[in-house]
Amino acid sequence: MDLIDRKYRILQAIIDDYILTALPVGSRTISRKYEQKLSSATIRNEMSDLEELGYLDSPHTSAGRIPSNKAYRLYVDKMIHPEPLSVEETAFIQSCFDRRAQQVEDLSARIARALSTMTHYTTAVMTRAPREDQILSHLQMVPVSERRMLLILVMRSGAVSQKMIDLDAPAAPDALYTVSRFLSERLSGCPMSRLPAELMRMASEESREMANILRAMADVQTEGSEVSGLVVGGRSNLLSFPEYSDVDKAKALLSVLETKEKVVSLLSQQGEMEISVRIGPETGMEETKDCSIVTASYRLSDGRVNTIGLIGPTRMQYGKVLSVFTQLGRSITELLDEQDEQT
């Protein structure tokens, strides 16, 4: 449903005020700070309508309203404009990227540091290498239960991939250890792009029990790239926001940020180059249902892809964040262009 202009202005005012204060917003606040020509009674009626439409929520402890995830979605899609950065802020971002950033790991650390310093949110930078560029060094199968194992693939580049595999029949730990050694010897040096086909070829030559394991392994090797690096910065930054004053809530979120697989999952839902904003349940995890995640990706000259992620409360300063991401993109592009000219 389209909002009429007055409701639209009031909703934007409520979101802007709540982002700044983290306090429920009442009609008198809107009348005093944003809409002096409207009476508090008129604003209250409009706020009631906005609540019925799903754009506002009413905390039990206050007569004021707070924006819903639906409101933030509308805000990001239709209302905000990037906030201009100051000269000092732009200079700070540029200073984080100079010719000394020769390694991807160094570049990722600089990006994470710049983002967390500028925004006070948590940052994560993930590097993925195309599978065809990855060469298997060795593998290991770790029993989790009788019918479940953890497959660990280690690349020559140092990248590690872990997959949980369900088996058709129980497998003894000693048998998995023996199979791990056998497969490591046979498959060491195999490009990851050829691994599924190689596993299926081997399955046709082995015993039924061994063939079932090999086929299960081949089925999970379908991703197009491997994570070769992950840098997370400013984990504790989120604890300074009142949204995470609840100890259990804070612990659950920190647990996600300490788990590589979950951070990778949060960053993986991103198309290359485009800035993406996911709000609340759109993040895909119960622990981050009260968070927003902003991500953007860029491709390095060697084919690897870096994905930058920013994790904060849904009450995020979206306008400032988008400006930071834009300037960050310019600085990264300038640095990579300089490095290309030197090679």
Protein backbone atom coordinates (compact mmCIF):
# COMPACT_ATOMS: atom_id res chain seq x y z
CA MET A 1 0.00 0.00 0.00
CA ASP A 2 1.37 3.44 -0.92
CA LEU A 3 1.70 5.90 1.94
CA ILE A 4 0.27 9.38 1.58
CA ASP A 5 2.80 12.20 1.89
CA ARG A 6 1.99 13.08 5.52
CA LYS A 7 2.30 9.49 6.76
CA TYR A 8 5.50 9.16 4.75
CA ARG A 9 7.03 12.24 6.40
CA ILE A 10 6.01 11.14 9.87
CA LEU A 11 7.40 7.65 9.39
CA GLN A 12 10.70 9.03 8.12
CA ALA A 13 10.88 11.37 11.12
CA ILE A 14 10.24 8.49 13.54
CA ILE A 15 12.97 6.36 11.93
CA ASP A 16 15.47 9.22 11.87
CA ASP A 17 14.81 10.04 15.52
CA TYR A 18 14.94 6.42 16.68
CA ILE A 19 18.23 5.82 14.86
CA LEU A 20 19.75 8.74 16.74
CA THR A 21 18.29 8.13 20.21
CA ALA A 22 17.28 4.44 20.48
CA LEU A 23 14.22 5.72 22.39
CA PRO A 24 10.57 5.13 21.42
CA VAL A 25 9.24 8.14 19.59
CA GLY A 26 6.04 9.90 20.70
CA SER A 27 3.73 12.28 18.87
CA ARG A 28 4.94 15.27 20.89
CA THR A 29 8.53 14.63 19.79
CA ILE A 30 7.48 14.57 16.15
CA SER A 31 5.38 17.71 16.57
CA ARG A 32 8.17 19.59 18.33
CA LYS A 33 11.16 18.52 16.20
CA TYR A 34 9.85 17.67 12.75
CA GLU A 35 6.24 18.63 12.05
CA GLN A 36 5.48 21.86 13.93
CA LYS A 37 2.42 22.57 11.77
CA LEU A 38 0.69 19.34 12.83
CA SER A 39 -0.99 18.83 16.18
CA SER A 40 -0.02 15.95 18.46
CA ALA A 41 -3.52 14.50 18.03
CA THR A 42 -3.18 14.43 14.24
CA ILE A 43 0.25 12.82 14.51
CA ARG A 44 -1.08 10.21 16.96
CA ASN A 45 -3.81 9.25 14.49
CA GLU A 46 -1.26 8.88 11.69
CA MET A 47 1.01 6.82 13.94
CA SER A 48 -1.89 4.51 14.78
CA ASP A 49 -2.51 4.00 11.07
CA LEU A 50 1.19 3.30 10.47
CA GLU A 51 1.11 0.71 13.26
CA GLU A 52 -1.88 -1.01 11.69
CA LEU A 53 -0.01 -1.07 8.37
CA GLY A 54 2.92 -2.83 10.06
CA TYR A 55 5.43 0.01 9.92
CA LEU A 56 5.54 0.76 13.66
CA ASP A 57 5.69 -1.31 16.84
CA SER A 58 4.62 -0.33 20.37
CA PRO A 59 7.00 -1.32 23.19
CA HIS A 60 5.08 -2.36 26.30
CA THR A 61 7.01 0.06 28.49
CA SER A 62 6.32 3.22 26.49
CA ALA A 63 3.56 5.11 24.74
CA GLY A 64 5.99 5.90 21.94
CA ARG A 65 6.55 3.85 18.79
CA ILE A 66 9.60 2.24 17.22
CA PRO A 67 10.15 1.32 13.55
CA SER A 68 9.49 -2.26 12.43
CA ASN A 69 11.70 -4.22 10.05
CA LYS A 70 9.14 -3.40 7.35
CA ALA A 71 9.72 0.30 8.05
CA TYR A 72 13.49 -0.06 7.82
CA ARG A 73 13.10 -1.87 4.51
CA LEU A 74 11.05 1.03 3.11
CA TYR A 75 13.52 3.50 4.61
CA VAL A 76 16.52 1.87 2.90
CA ASP A 77 14.74 1.38 -0.42
CA LYS A 78 12.96 4.72 -0.73
CA MET A 79 13.84 7.28 1.93
CA ILE A 80 17.52 7.60 2.68
CA HIS A 81 20.21 9.49 0.85
CA PRO A 82 23.94 8.93 1.48
CA GLU A 83 25.25 11.40 4.06
CA PRO A 84 28.29 13.35 2.77
CA LEU A 85 31.48 12.46 4.60
CA SER A 86 33.61 15.20 6.08
CA VAL A 87 37.02 16.02 4.61
CA GLU A 88 38.62 14.36 7.63
CA GLU A 89 36.57 11.18 7.23
CA THR A 90 37.39 10.89 3.54
CA ALA A 91 41.08 11.48 4.25
CA PHE A 92 41.04 8.79 6.95
CA ILE A 93 39.64 6.18 4.57
CA GLN A 94 42.17 7.10 1.90
CA SER A 95 45.01 6.88 4.40
CA CYS A 96 44.14 3.24 5.08
CA PHE A 97 44.99 2.28 1.50
CA ASP A 98 48.45 3.08 0.26
CA ARG A 99 51.05 1.28 -1.81
CA ARG A 100 52.25 -0.76 1.17
CA ALA A 101 49.07 -2.87 1.04
CA GLN A 102 50.57 -5.50 -1.22
CA GLN A 103 48.95 -8.65 0.18
CA VAL A 104 45.25 -9.48 0.14
CA GLU A 105 45.41 -10.30 3.86
CA ASP A 106 46.88 -6.87 4.60
CA LEU A 107 44.22 -5.21 2.45
CA SER A 108 41.43 -7.12 4.22
CA ALA A 109 42.76 -6.11 7.63
CA ARG A 110 42.90 -2.48 6.56
CA ILE A 111 39.33 -2.59 5.27
CA ALA A 112 38.07 -4.15 8.50
CA ARG A 113 39.92 -1.58 10.60
CA ALA A 114 38.72 1.37 8.54
CA LEU A 115 35.09 0.24 8.59
CA SER A 116 34.94 -0.53 12.31
CA THR A 117 36.65 2.77 13.17
CA MET A 118 34.35 4.82 10.93
CA THR A 119 31.05 3.18 11.87
CA HIS A 120 31.61 1.56 15.31
CA TYR A 121 29.91 -1.59 14.01
CA THR A 122 31.37 -5.07 13.52
CA THR A 123 33.12 -5.72 10.22
CA ALA A 124 34.07 -8.86 8.31
CA VAL A 125 36.08 -9.25 5.10
CA MET A 126 36.02 -12.59 3.30
CA THR A 127 38.27 -13.65 0.43
CA ARG A 128 37.11 -16.35 -1.96
CA ALA A 129 39.25 -18.01 -4.61
CA PRO A 130 37.68 -19.62 -7.71
CA ARG A 131 37.58 -23.36 -7.27
CA GLU A 132 39.52 -23.99 -10.47
CA ASP A 133 42.44 -22.09 -8.91
CA GLN A 134 42.44 -24.27 -5.80
CA ILE A 135 44.57 -27.42 -5.61
CA LEU A 136 43.86 -30.06 -2.98
CA SER A 137 46.71 -30.76 -0.58
CA HIS A 138 45.11 -33.37 1.66
CA LEU A 139 41.83 -34.29 3.32
CA GLN A 140 40.61 -35.76 6.58
CA MET A 141 37.36 -37.41 7.62
CA VAL A 142 36.42 -36.93 11.27
CA PRO A 143 33.63 -39.10 12.75
CA VAL A 144 30.86 -37.11 14.44
CA SER A 145 28.42 -39.97 15.00
CA GLU A 146 27.89 -43.45 13.57
CA ARG A 147 26.31 -42.09 10.40
CA ARG A 148 27.82 -38.63 10.22
CA MET A 149 31.30 -37.31 9.53
CA LEU A 150 33.07 -33.98 9.03
CA LEU A 151 35.03 -33.75 5.79
CA ILE A 152 38.01 -31.36 5.97
CA LEU A 153 39.68 -30.33 2.70
CA VAL A 154 43.00 -28.47 2.89
CA MET A 155 44.26 -26.61 -0.20
CA ARG A 156 47.86 -25.94 -1.12
CA SER A 157 47.08 -22.24 -0.73
CA GLY A 158 46.21 -22.86 2.93
CA ALA A 159 42.46 -22.44 2.42
CA VAL A 160 40.32 -24.90 4.36
CA SER A 161 36.84 -26.18 3.51
CA GLN A 162 34.71 -28.13 5.98
CA LYS A 163 31.56 -30.10 5.13
CA MET A 164 29.25 -32.24 7.23
CA ILE A 165 28.28 -35.48 5.47
CA ASP A 166 25.51 -37.93 6.35
CA LEU A 167 26.33 -41.57 5.57
CA ASP A 168 24.00 -44.34 4.43
CA ALA A 169 25.55 -46.82 6.88
CA PRO A 170 27.61 -46.64 10.10
CA ALA A 171 31.36 -46.12 9.60
CA ALA A 172 34.00 -47.05 12.17
CA PRO A 173 36.47 -44.28 13.14
CA ASP A 174 39.45 -46.48 12.22
CA ALA A 175 37.96 -47.08 8.78
CA LEU A 176 37.53 -43.35 8.18
CA TYR A 177 41.12 -42.72 9.22
CA THR A 178 42.36 -45.37 6.77
CA VAL A 179 40.18 -43.99 3.98
CA SER A 180 41.41 -40.45 4.70
CA ARG A 181 45.04 -41.53 4.22
CA PHE A 182 44.22 -43.46 1.07
CA LEU A 183 42.28 -40.59 -0.51
CA SER A 184 44.88 -37.98 0.45
CA GLU A 185 47.54 -40.00 -1.37
CA ARG A 186 45.36 -40.52 -4.45
CA LEU A 187 43.86 -37.02 -4.68
CA SER A 188 46.71 -34.74 -3.60
CA GLY A 189 47.31 -32.26 -6.40
CA CYS A 190 43.81 -32.61 -7.85
CA PRO A 191 42.21 -29.29 -8.92
CA MET A 192 39.02 -28.67 -6.95
CA SER A 193 37.06 -28.22 -10.18
CA ARG A 194 37.81 -31.86 -11.05
CA LEU A 195 37.36 -33.35 -7.58
CA PRO A 196 33.67 -34.39 -7.88
CA ALA A 197 34.29 -36.24 -11.14
CA GLU A 198 37.40 -37.90 -9.72
CA LEU A 199 35.51 -39.06 -6.63
CA MET A 200 32.74 -40.55 -8.78
CA ARG A 201 35.31 -42.33 -10.96
CA MET A 202 36.92 -43.83 -7.88
CA ALA A 203 33.51 -44.84 -6.52
CA SER A 204 32.95 -47.05 -9.56
CA GLU A 205 36.12 -48.98 -8.73
CA GLU A 206 35.69 -49.49 -4.98
CA SER A 207 33.65 -51.68 -2.66
CA ARG A 208 30.05 -50.78 -1.94
CA GLU A 209 30.81 -49.25 1.48
CA MET A 210 33.69 -47.19 0.12
CA ALA A 211 31.68 -46.18 -2.97
CA ASN A 212 28.84 -44.83 -0.81
CA ILE A 213 31.27 -42.61 1.10
CA LEU A 214 32.90 -41.35 -2.10
CA ARG A 215 29.55 -40.53 -3.71
CA ALA A 216 28.42 -38.67 -0.58
CA MET A 217 31.64 -36.64 -0.71
CA ALA A 218 31.18 -35.86 -4.41
CA ASP A 219 27.62 -34.63 -3.84
CA VAL A 220 28.66 -31.86 -1.45
CA GLN A 221 31.44 -30.47 -3.62
CA THR A 222 29.26 -28.12 -5.64
CA GLU A 223 30.27 -24.62 -4.54
CA GLY A 224 32.00 -22.38 -7.05
CA SER A 225 34.71 -21.04 -4.74
CA GLU A 226 36.59 -21.65 -1.51
CA VAL A 227 37.11 -19.27 1.40
CA SER A 228 40.82 -18.53 1.57
CA GLY A 229 40.71 -15.75 4.15
CA LEU A 230 38.42 -14.17 6.75
CA VAL A 231 39.10 -11.12 8.91
CA VAL A 232 36.60 -10.00 11.56
CA GLY A 233 37.03 -6.70 13.37
CA GLY A 234 35.24 -4.83 16.13
CA ARG A 235 33.31 -7.79 17.58
CA SER A 236 32.85 -6.00 20.88
CA ASN A 237 31.59 -2.81 19.20
CA LEU A 238 28.03 -4.12 19.20
CA LEU A 239 28.05 -4.42 23.00
CA SER A 240 28.02 -0.63 23.25
CA PHE A 241 24.52 -0.48 21.72
CA PRO A 242 21.52 -0.70 24.08
CA GLU A 243 19.95 -3.37 21.83
CA TYR A 244 22.51 -5.84 23.19
CA SER A 245 22.36 -4.98 26.89
CA ASP A 246 20.63 -8.33 27.42
CA VAL A 247 23.43 -10.77 28.32
CA ASP A 248 21.91 -13.82 26.62
CA LYS A 249 21.20 -11.88 23.45
CA ALA A 250 24.75 -10.51 23.38
CA LYS A 251 26.27 -13.95 23.96
CA ALA A 252 24.27 -15.47 21.11
CA LEU A 253 25.41 -12.75 18.71
CA LEU A 254 29.05 -12.97 19.79
CA SER A 255 28.90 -16.73 19.31
CA VAL A 256 27.95 -16.17 15.67
CA LEU A 257 30.80 -13.70 15.19
CA GLU A 258 33.26 -16.20 16.69
CA THR A 259 32.16 -19.02 14.36
CA LYS A 260 33.83 -18.93 10.96
CA GLU A 261 31.15 -20.99 9.21
CA LYS A 262 28.35 -18.66 10.39
CA VAL A 263 30.21 -15.49 9.44
CA VAL A 264 30.92 -16.96 6.00
CA SER A 265 27.24 -17.83 5.65
CA LEU A 266 26.25 -14.25 6.50
CA LEU A 267 28.63 -12.85 3.88
CA SER A 268 27.91 -15.40 1.17
CA GLN A 269 24.45 -14.06 0.25
CA GLN A 270 25.92 -11.29 -1.88
CA GLY A 271 26.16 -10.57 -5.57
CA GLU A 272 29.44 -9.20 -6.85
CA MET A 273 29.96 -5.40 -6.63
CA GLU A 274 26.41 -4.38 -5.68
CA ILE A 275 25.86 -3.02 -2.19
CA SER A 276 23.28 -5.17 -0.41
CA VAL A 277 21.35 -4.33 2.77
CA ARG A 278 19.65 -7.17 4.65
CA ILE A 279 17.47 -6.29 7.63
CA GLY A 280 16.40 -8.45 10.58
CA PRO A 281 15.05 -11.85 9.47
CA GLU A 282 16.51 -11.24 5.99
CA THR A 283 19.92 -12.10 7.47
CA GLY A 284 18.80 -15.72 7.62
CA MET A 285 19.83 -16.50 11.22
CA GLU A 286 17.87 -16.47 14.45
CA GLU A 287 20.81 -14.93 16.33
CA THR A 288 20.96 -11.97 13.90
CA LYS A 289 17.23 -11.30 13.56
CA ASP A 290 17.73 -7.94 15.30
CA CYS A 291 20.71 -6.99 13.13
CA SER A 292 21.24 -5.46 9.73
CA ILE A 293 24.04 -6.58 7.43
CA VAL A 294 25.47 -4.44 4.63
CA THR A 295 27.71 -6.23 2.12
CA ALA A 296 29.59 -5.41 -1.07
CA SER A 297 32.06 -7.38 -3.19
CA TYR A 298 34.87 -6.57 -5.58
CA ARG A 299 37.15 -8.71 -7.73
CA LEU A 300 40.93 -8.71 -7.38
CA SER A 301 43.23 -8.86 -10.40
CA ASP A 302 44.11 -12.51 -9.66
CA GLY A 303 40.45 -13.60 -9.86
CA ARG A 304 39.78 -13.77 -6.15
CA VAL A 305 36.73 -11.98 -4.75
CA ASN A 306 36.64 -9.99 -1.52
CA THR A 307 33.30 -9.49 0.22
CA ILE A 308 33.06 -6.71 2.79
CA GLY A 309 30.39 -7.00 5.48
CA LEU A 310 29.17 -4.59 8.14
CA ILE A 311 27.03 -5.94 10.99
CA GLY A 312 25.06 -3.65 13.29
CA PRO A 313 21.65 -3.16 14.89
CA THR A 314 18.63 -2.62 12.64
CA ARG A 315 18.79 0.93 14.03
CA MET A 316 21.82 1.43 11.79
CA GLN A 317 22.91 4.80 10.41
CA TYR A 318 22.25 3.63 6.87
CA GLY A 319 22.97 6.96 5.17
CA LYS A 320 26.42 7.20 6.78
CA VAL A 321 27.16 3.53 6.09
CA LEU A 322 26.35 3.85 2.37
CA SER A 323 28.64 6.87 2.08
CA VAL A 324 31.46 5.00 3.81
CA PHE A 325 31.01 2.01 1.49
CA THR A 326 31.05 4.29 -1.56
CA GLN A 327 34.29 6.00 -0.52
CA LEU A 328 35.77 2.67 0.48
CA GLY A 329 35.03 1.34 -2.99
CA ARG A 330 36.77 4.32 -4.62
CA SER A 331 39.87 3.89 -2.47
CA ILE A 332 40.08 0.14 -3.12
CA THR A 333 39.68 0.68 -6.87
CA GLU A 334 42.45 3.31 -6.91
CA LEU A 335 44.79 1.01 -4.96
CA LEU A 336 44.14 -1.98 -7.21
CA ASP A 337 44.58 0.15 -10.36
CA GLU A 338 47.95 1.35 -9.05
CA GLN A 339 49.04 -2.22 -8.33
CA ASP A 340 47.98 -3.33 -11.84
CA GLU A 341 50.08 -0.54 -13.38
CA GLN A 342 53.11 -1.69 -11.41
CA THR A 343 52.84 -5.32 -12.61
